[in-house]
Every structure is written in structure tokens, then in C-alpha cells.
Amino acid sequence: MARRLPSLNALKAFEAAARAASFTDAATELFVTHAAISRHIRELEEWLGTELFVRTGRGVDLTEAGRRFGSRLTPLFDQIADATREAAAVGDVRALNVTVEPAIASRWLVARLGRFAELHPDIELHIHPTNRLVDFSADQMDLGIRYGKGTWEGVDMQRLSEVMIFPVCAPGLIAGRPNLTPADLNDFTLLHEDRKQWWADWLSAAGVTGIEDWRGPTFQNHLAIEAAEAEQGFALGDQILCTDALLENWLTRPFAVDIRDHGSYWIVRARGAKESAPARAFREWLQGEMAETNRKFAALRQSKAPAKPA
């Protein structure tokens, strides 16, 4: 007997929104727009003939029907994911070569690779850290993780995350100074990467003048952040490279001012190349991990936000 089922995309959108209790978080998880989530759920409600969410001034709440439906769907999607992984694990081990910038590799990616291995034991990852822009047609790389404006030639690309920049330091560096302001950076060493203009941009956004933004040592790659962890001064970090350290209290973010960087994190592959099953699995896993990091950073920002007056 033929199964009468609604759209799978609509079910995915609803399940993610029900689990997160948020259309916005569901959109982030599934890498679609908020409007797409809303449209899918509206179509599903019409197909079912019942409301699944109640729209409120502060967001959405599940109806009783939505709560029951979501509680049934999530285990089913988990079972599908498990069955898919088991099916993919049957057969030969498949190699996947990924080129990645050293900063992203050491400060973010490596700590998460165990989770990918558990999900995909049939995929043998080969991580190649380099700052060089590889030639995918010559260097036998399947995928790349890059940071920049996305203007590279010869590749297809998909944005993984936008980038927010903010000052970080070791908690011990500012011990005893609880009311630190951006102007107080004049008392500390500024740690730079190659582009010293970043500090000038951030100080301008914070409304600070009179600080010699060019002073301080310059480091390659992520070493400025490492120096900040060693209490050598303030570095400018971003939410992908620094959220783990902020959660572990190796770094602290004393100021609430962030600036949007011109660059983003991207996943790239040779232009026109067919995406293999291992490459798709890694891309989808990578998107989910970066979305989770962004959610954790958003929670950190919210927890440190100034209290609103009564």
C-alpha cells in the first residue's frame, strides 16, 4: 500500500524547528532562510489540517499537536541517520583529502574530527594544513576550508560562517580590573596578525581614539591568539577560532563590541566537480559543527549582554 506522506523537506524543517523551539535556529541548522522554514511549516500545517506552532510576539510556541508530532518525528529522523551511517559503513574505506588553513585546523577542526570518525567510520580523512591556495586540478584535493572574501577562481564554494571580530585576552591579564573599558587598552600590548588595520577598525567601531593601534608585535596565522592565552596582551579573535577557548576560560572577551569582518569561512572544491558521497558527508557535518559553534557564541554574547533597565 502506498504511503501518504507530506514533503520530506517540510518534515525536516518542522522537526528542526520543534527541537530547537525556534525558526531561526532551524534555519541555521538546515542552512536555509527563516522564510523557507516558515513556508515549509505553513505547507505542512495545511497538509495536516492543524496548527503546529502558535506565533507569538517573542517567537513561536508548539501547540499540543505540534509537541506530540515533534516527539514522534525526532526519533524517526535519528533512526534514518543511524541506518544511513550503517549502510555507508558497509564496504571499502573511502579516502577524503581536505586542505585547510593551519589556524582553522589547529584551533577548531582537529578537536572535532573524532565526532566525524564516529559518524563515518568508512571515510578515511587526510587533513593537509597549508596557507597555500591549492590547485584542485593538480594537487588531488577533494575539498578545502578557506577564509576570505570568496573571490577565488576555479572553485565552487559555499559559505560556512560569517565572521565576527573582537578582542580577547587571558583572564589573568585583567585580574583585578573588573570595569575595563576599550579605552583601557592603552595600558596593554596589542597583538597583531599580518593585517594591523584590524585593530584600527575595531577601535574605531568602539569609539576609542588616542591609542597607537599599530604598536605591538606581529604574528603569523593564529599565533596572536596563542600569545593572548599566554597573557602577553590582547589579540583580535573571531567566534570560530575563540569560542572553545572562551568556554574553557582560557580566554575572556571583556568588551561587547564586535565588528563584522569582510571575510567568511568557506568550503570549496574544484569548479564543476561532482560532489562525492564522502565529500557531501564531510560538508554536511562541517556545516553542522560551525552552526553549533555559532550557537554557542550567540549564547555567550547573550549571557554577557548588559542588563536592560527595568
C-alpha atoms as a PDB file:
ATOM      1  CA  MET A   1       0.000   0.000   0.000  1.00  0.00           C
ATOM      2  CA  ALA A   2       1.374   3.400  -0.988  1.00  0.00           C
ATOM      3  CA  ARG A   3       2.352   5.630   1.904  1.00  0.00           C
ATOM      4  CA  ARG A   4       0.679   9.030   2.103  1.00  0.00           C
ATOM      5  CA  LEU A   5       3.400  11.329   3.356  1.00  0.00           C
ATOM      6  CA  PRO A   6       3.962  15.081   3.357  1.00  0.00           C
ATOM      7  CA  SER A   7       7.054  16.695   1.860  1.00  0.00           C
ATOM      8  CA  LEU A   8      10.308  15.437   3.400  1.00  0.00           C
ATOM      9  CA  ASN A   9      11.699  18.988   3.332  1.00  0.00           C
ATOM     10  CA  ALA A  10       8.655  20.189   5.252  1.00  0.00           C
ATOM     11  CA  LEU A  11       9.110  17.417   7.819  1.00  0.00           C
ATOM     12  CA  LYS A  12      12.811  18.258   8.208  1.00  0.00           C
ATOM     13  CA  ALA A  13      12.013  21.932   8.684  1.00  0.00           C
ATOM     14  CA  PHE A  14       9.333  21.197  11.272  1.00  0.00           C
ATOM     15  CA  GLU A  15      11.435  18.667  13.197  1.00  0.00           C
ATOM     16  CA  ALA A  16      14.380  21.058  13.436  1.00  0.00           C
ATOM     17  CA  ALA A  17      12.136  23.960  14.485  1.00  0.00           C
ATOM     18  CA  ALA A  18      10.290  21.840  17.043  1.00  0.00           C
ATOM     19  CA  ARG A  19      13.524  20.510  18.536  1.00  0.00           C
ATOM     20  CA  ALA A  20      15.083  23.976  18.759  1.00  0.00           C
ATOM     21  CA  ALA A  21      11.819  25.787  19.580  1.00  0.00           C
ATOM     22  CA  SER A  22      12.984  28.385  17.074  1.00  0.00           C
ATOM     23  CA  PHE A  23      12.537  29.016  13.346  1.00  0.00           C
ATOM     24  CA  THR A  24      15.815  30.969  13.337  1.00  0.00           C
ATOM     25  CA  ASP A  25      17.853  28.137  14.861  1.00  0.00           C
ATOM     26  CA  ALA A  26      16.224  25.648  12.493  1.00  0.00           C
ATOM     27  CA  ALA A  27      17.183  27.837   9.527  1.00  0.00           C
ATOM     28  CA  THR A  28      20.778  27.978  10.788  1.00  0.00           C
ATOM     29  CA  GLU A  29      20.924  24.206  11.265  1.00  0.00           C
ATOM     30  CA  LEU A  30      19.500  23.412   7.828  1.00  0.00           C
ATOM     31  CA  PHE A  31      21.312  26.258   6.026  1.00  0.00           C
ATOM     32  CA  VAL A  32      18.151  27.799   4.622  1.00  0.00           C
ATOM     33  CA  THR A  33      16.424  31.098   5.253  1.00  0.00           C
ATOM     34  CA  HIS A  34      13.988  31.845   8.057  1.00  0.00           C
ATOM     35  CA  ALA A  35      11.356  32.425   5.364  1.00  0.00           C
ATOM     36  CA  ALA A  36      11.952  28.945   3.932  1.00  0.00           C
ATOM     37  CA  ILE A  37      11.405  27.328   7.345  1.00  0.00           C
ATOM     38  CA  SER A  38       8.220  29.347   7.824  1.00  0.00           C
ATOM     39  CA  ARG A  39       6.955  28.403   4.360  1.00  0.00           C
ATOM     40  CA  HIS A  40       7.642  24.678   4.848  1.00  0.00           C
ATOM     41  CA  ILE A  41       5.867  24.641   8.204  1.00  0.00           C
ATOM     42  CA  ARG A  42       2.887  26.537   6.823  1.00  0.00           C
ATOM     43  CA  GLU A  43       2.626  23.987   3.976  1.00  0.00           C
ATOM     44  CA  LEU A  44       2.850  21.134   6.486  1.00  0.00           C
ATOM     45  CA  GLU A  45       0.131  22.668   8.655  1.00  0.00           C
ATOM     46  CA  GLU A  46      -2.100  22.987   5.591  1.00  0.00           C
ATOM     47  CA  TRP A  47      -1.370  19.379   4.600  1.00  0.00           C
ATOM     48  CA  LEU A  48      -2.197  18.154   8.123  1.00  0.00           C
ATOM     49  CA  GLY A  49      -5.113  20.495   8.617  1.00  0.00           C
ATOM     50  CA  THR A  50      -3.908  21.578  12.048  1.00  0.00           C
ATOM     51  CA  GLU A  51      -1.662  24.202  13.589  1.00  0.00           C
ATOM     52  CA  LEU A  52       1.742  23.032  14.791  1.00  0.00           C
ATOM     53  CA  PHE A  53       3.001  26.365  16.123  1.00  0.00           C
ATOM     54  CA  VAL A  54       1.415  29.399  17.681  1.00  0.00           C
ATOM     55  CA  ARG A  55       3.113  32.615  16.561  1.00  0.00           C
ATOM     56  CA  THR A  56       3.745  34.935  19.494  1.00  0.00           C
ATOM     57  CA  GLY A  57       5.332  38.354  19.860  1.00  0.00           C
ATOM     58  CA  ARG A  58       8.557  36.779  21.118  1.00  0.00           C
ATOM     59  CA  GLY A  59       8.739  33.915  18.629  1.00  0.00           C
ATOM     60  CA  VAL A  60       6.830  30.634  18.337  1.00  0.00           C
ATOM     61  CA  ASP A  61       5.425  28.015  20.702  1.00  0.00           C
ATOM     62  CA  LEU A  62       4.447  24.461  19.850  1.00  0.00           C
ATOM     63  CA  THR A  63       0.792  23.555  20.006  1.00  0.00           C
ATOM     64  CA  GLU A  64      -0.138  20.288  21.689  1.00  0.00           C
ATOM     65  CA  ALA A  65      -0.404  18.663  18.252  1.00  0.00           C
ATOM     66  CA  GLY A  66       2.999  20.090  17.311  1.00  0.00           C
ATOM     67  CA  ARG A  67       4.591  18.842  20.529  1.00  0.00           C
ATOM     68  CA  ARG A  68       3.285  15.315  20.001  1.00  0.00           C
ATOM     69  CA  PHE A  69       4.229  15.272  16.315  1.00  0.00           C
ATOM     70  CA  GLY A  70       7.738  16.545  17.038  1.00  0.00           C
ATOM     71  CA  SER A  71       8.306  13.988  19.793  1.00  0.00           C
ATOM     72  CA  ARG A  72       7.488  11.209  17.302  1.00  0.00           C
ATOM     73  CA  LEU A  73       9.497  12.640  14.400  1.00  0.00           C
ATOM     74  CA  THR A  74      12.839  13.217  16.132  1.00  0.00           C
ATOM     75  CA  PRO A  75      13.463   9.519  16.978  1.00  0.00           C
ATOM     76  CA  LEU A  76      12.470   8.580  13.417  1.00  0.00           C
ATOM     77  CA  PHE A  77      14.984  11.023  11.911  1.00  0.00           C
ATOM     78  CA  ASP A  78      17.621   9.688  14.322  1.00  0.00           C
ATOM     79  CA  GLN A  79      16.875   6.142  13.118  1.00  0.00           C
ATOM     80  CA  ILE A  80      17.160   7.216   9.477  1.00  0.00           C
ATOM     81  CA  ALA A  81      20.523   8.876  10.221  1.00  0.00           C
ATOM     82  CA  ASP A  82      21.756   5.731  12.000  1.00  0.00           C
ATOM     83  CA  ALA A  83      20.592   3.474   9.174  1.00  0.00           C
ATOM     84  CA  THR A  84      22.293   5.715   6.617  1.00  0.00           C
ATOM     85  CA  ARG A  85      25.585   5.643   8.512  1.00  0.00           C
ATOM     86  CA  GLU A  86      25.409   1.855   8.865  1.00  0.00           C
ATOM     87  CA  ALA A  87      24.725   1.415   5.153  1.00  0.00           C
ATOM     88  CA  ALA A  88      27.582   3.739   4.225  1.00  0.00           C
ATOM     89  CA  ALA A  89      29.947   1.857   6.546  1.00  0.00           C
ATOM     90  CA  VAL A  90      29.444  -1.395   4.653  1.00  0.00           C
ATOM     91  CA  GLY A  91      32.126  -1.698   2.016  1.00  0.00           C
ATOM     92  CA  ASP A  92      35.580  -0.339   1.337  1.00  0.00           C
ATOM     93  CA  VAL A  93      37.119   2.532   3.285  1.00  0.00           C
ATOM     94  CA  ARG A  94      36.972   5.708   1.220  1.00  0.00           C
ATOM     95  CA  ALA A  95      39.673   8.379   1.395  1.00  0.00           C
ATOM     96  CA  LEU A  96      38.926  12.101   1.501  1.00  0.00           C
ATOM     97  CA  ASN A  97      41.666  14.721   1.127  1.00  0.00           C
ATOM     98  CA  VAL A  98      40.920  18.092   2.723  1.00  0.00           C
ATOM     99  CA  THR A  99      43.158  21.157   2.577  1.00  0.00           C
ATOM    100  CA  VAL A 100      42.661  23.623   5.411  1.00  0.00           C
ATOM    101  CA  GLU A 101      44.337  26.732   6.776  1.00  0.00           C
ATOM    102  CA  PRO A 102      46.506  25.896   9.811  1.00  0.00           C
ATOM    103  CA  ALA A 103      44.633  28.316  12.116  1.00  0.00           C
ATOM    104  CA  ILE A 104      41.274  26.672  11.448  1.00  0.00           C
ATOM    105  CA  ALA A 105      42.803  23.197  11.636  1.00  0.00           C
ATOM    106  CA  SER A 106      44.551  23.599  14.988  1.00  0.00           C
ATOM    107  CA  ARG A 107      42.142  25.867  16.857  1.00  0.00           C
ATOM    108  CA  TRP A 108      38.833  24.429  15.682  1.00  0.00           C
ATOM    109  CA  LEU A 109      38.769  21.455  13.316  1.00  0.00           C
ATOM    110  CA  VAL A 110      41.096  18.895  14.914  1.00  0.00           C
ATOM    111  CA  ALA A 111      39.228  18.805  18.227  1.00  0.00           C
ATOM    112  CA  ARG A 112      36.044  17.812  16.376  1.00  0.00           C
ATOM    113  CA  LEU A 113      37.352  15.156  13.996  1.00  0.00           C
ATOM    114  CA  GLY A 114      36.654  12.343  16.431  1.00  0.00           C
ATOM    115  CA  ARG A 115      32.948  13.025  16.088  1.00  0.00           C
ATOM    116  CA  PHE A 116      33.186  12.764  12.312  1.00  0.00           C
ATOM    117  CA  ALA A 117      35.085   9.467  12.590  1.00  0.00           C
ATOM    118  CA  GLU A 118      32.351   8.048  14.845  1.00  0.00           C
ATOM    119  CA  LEU A 119      29.653   9.059  12.375  1.00  0.00           C
ATOM    120  CA  HIS A 120      31.549   7.924   9.264  1.00  0.00           C
ATOM    121  CA  PRO A 121      33.993   5.105  10.084  1.00  0.00           C
ATOM    122  CA  ASP A 122      34.135   4.240   6.383  1.00  0.00           C
ATOM    123  CA  ILE A 123      35.706   7.605   5.451  1.00  0.00           C
ATOM    124  CA  GLU A 124      39.446   7.982   5.945  1.00  0.00           C
ATOM    125  CA  LEU A 125      40.224  11.678   6.290  1.00  0.00           C
ATOM    126  CA  HIS A 126      43.550  13.133   5.208  1.00  0.00           C
ATOM    127  CA  ILE A 127      43.924  16.689   6.546  1.00  0.00           C
ATOM    128  CA  HIS A 128      46.504  18.884   4.786  1.00  0.00           C
ATOM    129  CA  PRO A 129      47.159  22.149   6.687  1.00  0.00           C
ATOM    130  CA  THR A 130      48.585  24.894   4.476  1.00  0.00           C
ATOM    131  CA  ASN A 131      48.197  28.596   3.807  1.00  0.00           C
ATOM    132  CA  ARG A 132      48.768  27.976   0.117  1.00  0.00           C
ATOM    133  CA  LEU A 133      45.740  28.101  -2.169  1.00  0.00           C
ATOM    134  CA  VAL A 134      45.930  24.643  -3.690  1.00  0.00           C
ATOM    135  CA  ASP A 135      45.194  23.932  -7.312  1.00  0.00           C
ATOM    136  CA  PHE A 136      42.429  21.336  -7.049  1.00  0.00           C
ATOM    137  CA  SER A 137      43.073  20.103 -10.564  1.00  0.00           C
ATOM    138  CA  ALA A 138      46.735  19.382  -9.819  1.00  0.00           C
ATOM    139  CA  ASP A 139      47.024  18.717  -6.083  1.00  0.00           C
ATOM    140  CA  GLN A 140      44.477  15.887  -5.790  1.00  0.00           C
ATOM    141  CA  MET A 141      42.479  17.581  -3.053  1.00  0.00           C
ATOM    142  CA  ASP A 142      38.777  16.831  -2.698  1.00  0.00           C
ATOM    143  CA  LEU A 143      37.764  19.777  -0.528  1.00  0.00           C
ATOM    144  CA  GLY A 144      39.218  22.879   1.063  1.00  0.00           C
ATOM    145  CA  ILE A 145      38.310  25.023   4.061  1.00  0.00           C
ATOM    146  CA  ARG A 146      39.270  28.627   3.421  1.00  0.00           C
ATOM    147  CA  TYR A 147      38.932  32.044   4.983  1.00  0.00           C
ATOM    148  CA  GLY A 148      38.449  35.106   2.802  1.00  0.00           C
ATOM    149  CA  LYS A 149      36.063  37.072   0.632  1.00  0.00           C
ATOM    150  CA  GLY A 150      35.136  34.142  -1.607  1.00  0.00           C
ATOM    151  CA  THR A 151      36.689  35.619  -4.737  1.00  0.00           C
ATOM    152  CA  TRP A 152      38.869  32.648  -5.677  1.00  0.00           C
ATOM    153  CA  GLU A 153      38.932  31.386  -9.253  1.00  0.00           C
ATOM    154  CA  GLY A 154      38.487  27.808 -10.369  1.00  0.00           C
ATOM    155  CA  VAL A 155      36.392  26.632  -7.400  1.00  0.00           C
ATOM    156  CA  ASP A 156      32.789  26.163  -6.382  1.00  0.00           C
ATOM    157  CA  MET A 157      32.214  27.414  -2.861  1.00  0.00           C
ATOM    158  CA  GLN A 158      29.659  27.522  -0.100  1.00  0.00           C
ATOM    159  CA  ARG A 159      29.793  29.868   2.880  1.00  0.00           C
ATOM    160  CA  LEU A 160      30.161  28.093   6.205  1.00  0.00           C
ATOM    161  CA  SER A 161      30.051  31.101   8.500  1.00  0.00           C
ATOM    162  CA  GLU A 162      30.327  34.837   8.598  1.00  0.00           C
ATOM    163  CA  VAL A 163      32.992  36.213  10.926  1.00  0.00           C
ATOM    164  CA  MET A 164      32.710  38.497  13.949  1.00  0.00           C
ATOM    165  CA  ILE A 165      35.936  40.027  15.319  1.00  0.00           C
ATOM    166  CA  PHE A 166      36.519  41.089  18.937  1.00  0.00           C
ATOM    167  CA  PRO A 167      39.403  41.499  21.431  1.00  0.00           C
ATOM    168  CA  VAL A 168      40.364  38.560  23.647  1.00  0.00           C
ATOM    169  CA  CYS A 169      42.904  38.079  26.408  1.00  0.00           C
ATOM    170  CA  ALA A 170      43.757  35.647  29.185  1.00  0.00           C
ATOM    171  CA  PRO A 171      41.605  36.143  32.300  1.00  0.00           C
ATOM    172  CA  GLY A 172      44.728  36.537  34.406  1.00  0.00           C
ATOM    173  CA  LEU A 173      45.886  39.526  32.373  1.00  0.00           C
ATOM    174  CA  ILE A 174      42.994  41.665  33.598  1.00  0.00           C
ATOM    175  CA  ALA A 175      42.566  40.209  37.078  1.00  0.00           C
ATOM    176  CA  GLY A 176      41.603  42.971  39.482  1.00  0.00           C
ATOM    177  CA  ARG A 177      40.225  45.229  36.733  1.00  0.00           C
ATOM    178  CA  PRO A 178      36.521  44.297  36.538  1.00  0.00           C
ATOM    179  CA  ASN A 179      35.317  47.551  34.971  1.00  0.00           C
ATOM    180  CA  LEU A 180      37.668  47.559  31.998  1.00  0.00           C
ATOM    181  CA  THR A 181      36.664  49.780  29.061  1.00  0.00           C
ATOM    182  CA  PRO A 182      38.007  49.800  25.488  1.00  0.00           C
ATOM    183  CA  ALA A 183      39.948  52.985  26.280  1.00  0.00           C
ATOM    184  CA  ASP A 184      41.932  50.986  28.866  1.00  0.00           C
ATOM    185  CA  LEU A 185      43.579  49.031  26.050  1.00  0.00           C
ATOM    186  CA  ASN A 186      46.151  51.799  26.080  1.00  0.00           C
ATOM    187  CA  ASP A 187      47.581  50.053  29.180  1.00  0.00           C
ATOM    188  CA  PHE A 188      48.106  46.738  27.391  1.00  0.00           C
ATOM    189  CA  THR A 189      50.093  45.286  24.493  1.00  0.00           C
ATOM    190  CA  LEU A 190      48.169  44.876  21.269  1.00  0.00           C
ATOM    191  CA  LEU A 191      48.940  41.603  19.479  1.00  0.00           C
ATOM    192  CA  HIS A 192      48.650  41.733  15.698  1.00  0.00           C
ATOM    193  CA  GLU A 193      48.303  39.393  12.768  1.00  0.00           C
ATOM    194  CA  ASP A 194      49.612  40.469   9.363  1.00  0.00           C
ATOM    195  CA  ARG A 195      46.822  42.987   8.834  1.00  0.00           C
ATOM    196  CA  LYS A 196      47.316  45.603  11.547  1.00  0.00           C
ATOM    197  CA  GLN A 197      44.339  47.526  10.164  1.00  0.00           C
ATOM    198  CA  TRP A 198      42.036  45.165  12.094  1.00  0.00           C
ATOM    199  CA  TRP A 199      42.884  46.870  15.379  1.00  0.00           C
ATOM    200  CA  ALA A 200      42.299  50.301  13.836  1.00  0.00           C
ATOM    201  CA  ASP A 201      38.906  49.128  12.563  1.00  0.00           C
ATOM    202  CA  TRP A 202      37.857  47.697  15.919  1.00  0.00           C
ATOM    203  CA  LEU A 203      38.987  50.719  17.948  1.00  0.00           C
ATOM    204  CA  SER A 204      37.084  52.979  15.572  1.00  0.00           C
ATOM    205  CA  ALA A 205      33.928  50.857  15.976  1.00  0.00           C
ATOM    206  CA  ALA A 206      34.357  51.050  19.769  1.00  0.00           C
ATOM    207  CA  GLY A 207      34.646  54.836  19.591  1.00  0.00           C
ATOM    208  CA  VAL A 208      38.178  54.835  21.011  1.00  0.00           C
ATOM    209  CA  THR A 209      40.752  57.451  19.995  1.00  0.00           C
ATOM    210  CA  GLY A 210      44.264  58.204  21.157  1.00  0.00           C
ATOM    211  CA  ILE A 211      45.561  54.624  21.129  1.00  0.00           C
ATOM    212  CA  GLU A 212      48.529  53.820  18.894  1.00  0.00           C
ATOM    213  CA  ASP A 213      46.791  50.957  17.107  1.00  0.00           C
ATOM    214  CA  TRP A 214      49.931  49.970  15.191  1.00  0.00           C
ATOM    215  CA  ARG A 215      52.055  49.224  18.280  1.00  0.00           C
ATOM    216  CA  GLY A 216      52.783  45.677  19.427  1.00  0.00           C
ATOM    217  CA  PRO A 217      54.278  42.513  17.906  1.00  0.00           C
ATOM    218  CA  THR A 218      53.000  40.823  14.759  1.00  0.00           C
ATOM    219  CA  PHE A 219      52.345  37.080  14.484  1.00  0.00           C
ATOM    220  CA  GLN A 220      51.598  34.676  11.664  1.00  0.00           C
ATOM    221  CA  ASN A 221      48.348  32.720  11.466  1.00  0.00           C
ATOM    222  CA  HIS A 222      46.667  32.185  14.848  1.00  0.00           C
ATOM    223  CA  LEU A 223      49.758  32.762  16.981  1.00  0.00           C
ATOM    224  CA  ALA A 224      48.485  36.140  18.180  1.00  0.00           C
ATOM    225  CA  ILE A 225      45.612  34.292  19.871  1.00  0.00           C
ATOM    226  CA  GLU A 226      48.085  31.819  21.367  1.00  0.00           C
ATOM    227  CA  ALA A 227      50.116  34.745  22.704  1.00  0.00           C
ATOM    228  CA  ALA A 228      46.942  36.206  24.221  1.00  0.00           C
ATOM    229  CA  GLU A 229      46.291  32.914  26.022  1.00  0.00           C
ATOM    230  CA  ALA A 230      49.826  33.219  27.431  1.00  0.00           C
ATOM    231  CA  GLU A 231      48.931  36.630  28.983  1.00  0.00           C
ATOM    232  CA  GLN A 232      51.131  38.574  26.552  1.00  0.00           C
ATOM    233  CA  GLY A 233      48.410  41.072  25.612  1.00  0.00           C
ATOM    234  CA  PHE A 234      45.156  41.473  23.713  1.00  0.00           C
ATOM    235  CA  ALA A 235      44.569  39.792  20.356  1.00  0.00           C
ATOM    236  CA  LEU A 236      41.692  40.085  17.938  1.00  0.00           C
ATOM    237  CA  GLY A 237      39.911  36.773  17.514  1.00  0.00           C
ATOM    238  CA  ASP A 238      36.754  35.538  15.878  1.00  0.00           C
ATOM    239  CA  GLN A 239      33.919  33.350  17.081  1.00  0.00           C
ATOM    240  CA  ILE A 240      35.062  30.233  15.222  1.00  0.00           C
ATOM    241  CA  LEU A 241      38.659  30.300  16.466  1.00  0.00           C
ATOM    242  CA  CYS A 242      37.904  31.501  20.004  1.00  0.00           C
ATOM    243  CA  THR A 243      34.562  30.131  21.226  1.00  0.00           C
ATOM    244  CA  ASP A 244      36.065  26.898  22.578  1.00  0.00           C
ATOM    245  CA  ALA A 245      38.725  28.851  24.486  1.00  0.00           C
ATOM    246  CA  LEU A 246      36.110  31.251  25.836  1.00  0.00           C
ATOM    247  CA  LEU A 247      34.012  28.347  27.110  1.00  0.00           C
ATOM    248  CA  GLU A 248      37.067  26.742  28.732  1.00  0.00           C
ATOM    249  CA  ASN A 249      38.044  30.107  30.291  1.00  0.00           C
ATOM    250  CA  TRP A 250      41.426  30.109  28.573  1.00  0.00           C
ATOM    251  CA  LEU A 251      40.360  33.402  27.031  1.00  0.00           C
ATOM    252  CA  THR A 252      37.916  36.089  28.003  1.00  0.00           C
ATOM    253  CA  ARG A 253      36.060  38.683  25.939  1.00  0.00           C
ATOM    254  CA  PRO A 254      35.925  41.825  28.109  1.00  0.00           C
ATOM    255  CA  PHE A 255      34.082  44.097  25.680  1.00  0.00           C
ATOM    256  CA  ALA A 256      30.694  43.697  23.993  1.00  0.00           C
ATOM    257  CA  VAL A 257      31.773  45.388  20.740  1.00  0.00           C
ATOM    258  CA  ASP A 258      32.066  43.086  17.711  1.00  0.00           C
ATOM    259  CA  ILE A 259      32.776  44.061  14.136  1.00  0.00           C
ATOM    260  CA  ARG A 260      31.744  42.146  11.054  1.00  0.00           C
ATOM    261  CA  ASP A 261      34.793  41.085   9.079  1.00  0.00           C
ATOM    262  CA  HIS A 262      34.876  41.317   5.302  1.00  0.00           C
ATOM    263  CA  GLY A 263      35.881  37.657   5.072  1.00  0.00           C
ATOM    264  CA  SER A 264      33.988  34.445   5.806  1.00  0.00           C
ATOM    265  CA  TYR A 265      34.763  30.765   6.233  1.00  0.00           C
ATOM    266  CA  TRP A 266      34.048  28.705   3.111  1.00  0.00           C
ATOM    267  CA  ILE A 267      34.150  25.125   1.928  1.00  0.00           C
ATOM    268  CA  VAL A 268      35.435  24.841  -1.626  1.00  0.00           C
ATOM    269  CA  ARG A 269      36.042  22.223  -4.286  1.00  0.00           C
ATOM    270  CA  ALA A 270      37.150  22.172  -7.903  1.00  0.00           C
ATOM    271  CA  ARG A 271      34.731  24.071 -10.115  1.00  0.00           C
ATOM    272  CA  GLY A 272      32.286  21.743 -11.829  1.00  0.00           C
ATOM    273  CA  ALA A 273      33.481  18.672  -9.926  1.00  0.00           C
ATOM    274  CA  LYS A 274      30.802  16.204  -8.922  1.00  0.00           C
ATOM    275  CA  GLU A 275      30.422  16.027  -5.151  1.00  0.00           C
ATOM    276  CA  SER A 276      31.262  12.513  -3.958  1.00  0.00           C
ATOM    277  CA  ALA A 277      29.359  10.839  -1.134  1.00  0.00           C
ATOM    278  CA  PRO A 278      32.312  11.246   1.308  1.00  0.00           C
ATOM    279  CA  ALA A 279      32.662  14.914   0.342  1.00  0.00           C
ATOM    280  CA  ARG A 280      28.949  15.503   0.884  1.00  0.00           C
ATOM    281  CA  ALA A 281      29.082  13.770   4.273  1.00  0.00           C
ATOM    282  CA  PHE A 282      32.035  15.910   5.361  1.00  0.00           C
ATOM    283  CA  ARG A 283      30.455  19.128   4.058  1.00  0.00           C
ATOM    284  CA  GLU A 284      27.166  18.497   5.842  1.00  0.00           C
ATOM    285  CA  TRP A 285      28.970  17.554   9.062  1.00  0.00           C
ATOM    286  CA  LEU A 286      31.173  20.651   8.799  1.00  0.00           C
ATOM    287  CA  GLN A 287      28.150  22.910   8.286  1.00  0.00           C
ATOM    288  CA  GLY A 288      26.505  21.456  11.368  1.00  0.00           C
ATOM    289  CA  GLU A 289      29.629  21.867  13.511  1.00  0.00           C
ATOM    290  CA  MET A 290      30.095  25.505  12.507  1.00  0.00           C
ATOM    291  CA  ALA A 291      26.422  26.207  13.121  1.00  0.00           C
ATOM    292  CA  GLU A 292      26.799  24.700  16.601  1.00  0.00           C
ATOM    293  CA  THR A 293      29.858  26.878  17.303  1.00  0.00           C
ATOM    294  CA  ASN A 294      27.894  29.939  16.215  1.00  0.00           C
ATOM    295  CA  ARG A 295      25.018  28.952  18.518  1.00  0.00           C
ATOM    296  CA  LYS A 296      27.423  28.613  21.449  1.00  0.00           C
ATOM    297  CA  PHE A 297      28.938  32.014  20.713  1.00  0.00           C
ATOM    298  CA  ALA A 298      25.486  33.586  20.459  1.00  0.00           C
ATOM    299  CA  ALA A 299      24.682  32.154  23.892  1.00  0.00           C
ATOM    300  CA  LEU A 300      27.931  33.597  25.275  1.00  0.00           C
ATOM    301  CA  ARG A 301      27.096  37.004  23.863  1.00  0.00           C
ATOM    302  CA  GLN A 302      23.628  36.852  25.370  1.00  0.00           C
ATOM    303  CA  SER A 303      24.945  35.830  28.781  1.00  0.00           C
ATOM    304  CA  LYS A 304      27.385  38.761  28.795  1.00  0.00           C
ATOM    305  CA  ALA A 305      24.923  41.313  27.391  1.00  0.00           C
ATOM    306  CA  PRO A 306      24.300  44.363  29.614  1.00  0.00           C
ATOM    307  CA  ALA A 307      21.123  44.108  31.679  1.00  0.00           C
ATOM    308  CA  LYS A 308      18.202  46.142  30.319  1.00  0.00           C
ATOM    309  CA  PRO A 309      16.826  48.852  32.597  1.00  0.00           C
ATOM    310  CA  ALA A 310      13.558  47.958  34.330  1.00  0.00           C
END
